[in-house]
Amino acid sequence: MIAMSIELKRGPTAEEVEQMCTAAEEAARRCLLSTVSLKDITDLDVTVEAVGDKPLTLNVEVAIEVANTTRNLDSVVDEATNHAFSAAEAKARELSLCEDTLA
C-alpha cells in the first residue's frame, strides 16, 4: 500500500472524499486495463482509503493476478497507483480543495 497526502485549504465533505476516492480507483483500473488484457486477469482489486481531512491521506492498494504469465507486474501496478494519486489530486483541484501553490 502506498500513501499520499494532499494539502487542503479546508476539510473535505464526505461526498468530496468519496469523489476523490472514486476518481482514484477508476484511474487505476483504466491504467491497468490499458496495459493488461481483461481476458488475462484472474483477480483485480483496487482499494482507496481516505484518512484524516487536513491533510487528507489517501492509501491506494492495487493487487492484480494474471493467468499464464511470467511477466513482472510491479511496474504496471506502480503506474496504476501513480495514476490513482494524480486523479485524486486533479479531483481535489476541480473541487477547489487544494492550497494554491502557484506564485
Protein backbone atom coordinates (compact mmCIF):
# COMPACT_ATOMS: atom_id res chain seq x y z
CA MET A 1 0.00 0.00 0.00
CA ILE A 2 1.24 3.46 -0.91
CA ALA A 3 0.06 6.66 0.74
CA MET A 4 -0.06 10.26 -0.42
CA SER A 5 -1.07 13.39 1.47
CA ILE A 6 -2.90 16.24 -0.20
CA GLU A 7 -2.60 19.66 1.44
CA LEU A 8 -6.10 21.10 1.52
CA LYS A 9 -7.30 24.59 2.33
CA ARG A 10 -10.32 23.16 4.15
CA GLY A 11 -11.58 19.81 5.31
CA PRO A 12 -13.49 17.98 2.56
CA THR A 13 -17.07 16.84 2.94
CA ALA A 14 -17.83 13.12 2.91
CA GLU A 15 -19.13 13.48 -0.65
CA GLU A 16 -15.92 15.19 -1.79
CA VAL A 17 -13.79 12.45 -0.21
CA GLU A 18 -15.92 9.86 -1.99
CA GLN A 19 -15.47 11.68 -5.31
CA MET A 20 -11.69 11.75 -4.88
CA CYS A 21 -11.55 8.06 -3.94
CA THR A 22 -13.78 7.10 -6.88
CA ALA A 23 -11.65 9.12 -9.30
CA ALA A 24 -8.51 7.41 -7.96
CA GLU A 25 -9.99 3.92 -8.23
CA GLU A 26 -11.31 4.48 -11.75
CA ALA A 27 -7.96 5.88 -12.92
CA ALA A 28 -6.06 2.89 -11.53
CA ARG A 29 -8.46 0.44 -13.22
CA ARG A 30 -8.27 2.29 -16.56
CA CYS A 31 -4.48 2.24 -16.41
CA LEU A 32 -4.35 -1.48 -15.64
CA LEU A 33 -6.87 -2.39 -18.32
CA SER A 34 -4.97 -0.35 -20.91
CA THR A 35 -1.89 -2.47 -20.21
CA VAL A 36 -3.23 -5.92 -19.35
CA SER A 37 -5.93 -7.70 -21.33
CA LEU A 38 -9.15 -8.21 -19.37
CA LYS A 39 -9.31 -11.84 -20.50
CA ASP A 40 -5.92 -12.49 -18.85
CA ILE A 41 -6.87 -11.01 -15.46
CA THR A 42 -7.95 -13.60 -12.92
CA ASP A 43 -8.21 -11.22 -9.96
CA LEU A 44 -8.14 -7.45 -9.67
CA ASP A 45 -8.56 -5.40 -6.52
CA VAL A 46 -8.13 -1.65 -6.23
CA THR A 47 -8.70 -0.17 -2.78
CA VAL A 48 -8.59 3.54 -1.99
CA GLU A 49 -8.89 4.60 1.64
CA ALA A 50 -9.05 8.18 2.90
CA VAL A 51 -7.69 9.04 6.34
CA GLY A 52 -8.00 12.40 8.06
CA ASP A 53 -9.19 15.59 6.47
CA LYS A 54 -6.49 18.26 6.64
CA PRO A 55 -4.14 16.91 5.48
CA LEU A 56 -6.08 14.16 3.76
CA THR A 57 -4.08 10.99 3.32
CA LEU A 58 -5.09 8.57 0.60
CA ASN A 59 -3.93 4.97 0.80
CA VAL A 60 -4.04 3.12 -2.50
CA GLU A 61 -3.61 -0.62 -2.79
CA VAL A 62 -3.57 -2.32 -6.18
CA ALA A 63 -3.49 -6.10 -6.50
CA ILE A 64 -3.67 -7.96 -9.79
CA GLU A 65 -3.31 -11.59 -10.75
CA VAL A 66 -2.85 -12.62 -14.35
CA ALA A 67 -3.22 -16.14 -15.72
CA ASN A 68 -0.38 -17.88 -17.51
CA THR A 69 2.25 -15.19 -17.38
CA THR A 70 5.77 -14.80 -16.13
CA ARG A 71 5.52 -11.05 -16.67
CA ASN A 72 6.57 -8.87 -13.76
CA LEU A 73 3.59 -6.64 -13.00
CA ASP A 74 5.31 -4.40 -10.43
CA SER A 75 5.84 -1.55 -12.89
CA VAL A 76 2.23 -1.83 -14.10
CA VAL A 77 0.96 -1.67 -10.51
CA ASP A 78 3.24 1.30 -9.75
CA GLU A 79 1.97 3.13 -12.82
CA ALA A 80 -1.67 2.43 -11.89
CA THR A 81 -1.01 3.70 -8.36
CA ASN A 82 0.54 6.91 -9.73
CA HIS A 83 -2.47 7.41 -12.00
CA ALA A 84 -4.75 6.95 -8.97
CA PHE A 85 -2.95 9.64 -6.97
CA SER A 86 -2.90 12.03 -9.94
CA ALA A 87 -6.64 11.57 -10.47
CA ALA A 88 -7.38 12.16 -6.77
CA GLU A 89 -5.31 15.34 -6.78
CA ALA A 90 -6.97 16.53 -10.00
CA LYS A 91 -10.39 15.92 -8.45
CA ALA A 92 -9.36 17.85 -5.33
CA ARG A 93 -8.29 20.76 -7.52
CA GLU A 94 -11.54 20.53 -9.50
CA LEU A 95 -13.44 20.74 -6.20
CA SER A 96 -11.32 23.78 -5.19
CA LEU A 97 -9.95 21.94 -2.16
CA CYS A 98 -6.21 22.32 -2.78
CA GLU A 99 -3.95 25.04 -1.50
CA ASP A 100 -2.93 27.36 -4.30
CA THR A 101 0.75 26.58 -4.86
CA LEU A 102 1.24 28.97 -7.79
CA ALA A 103 3.09 32.23 -7.22
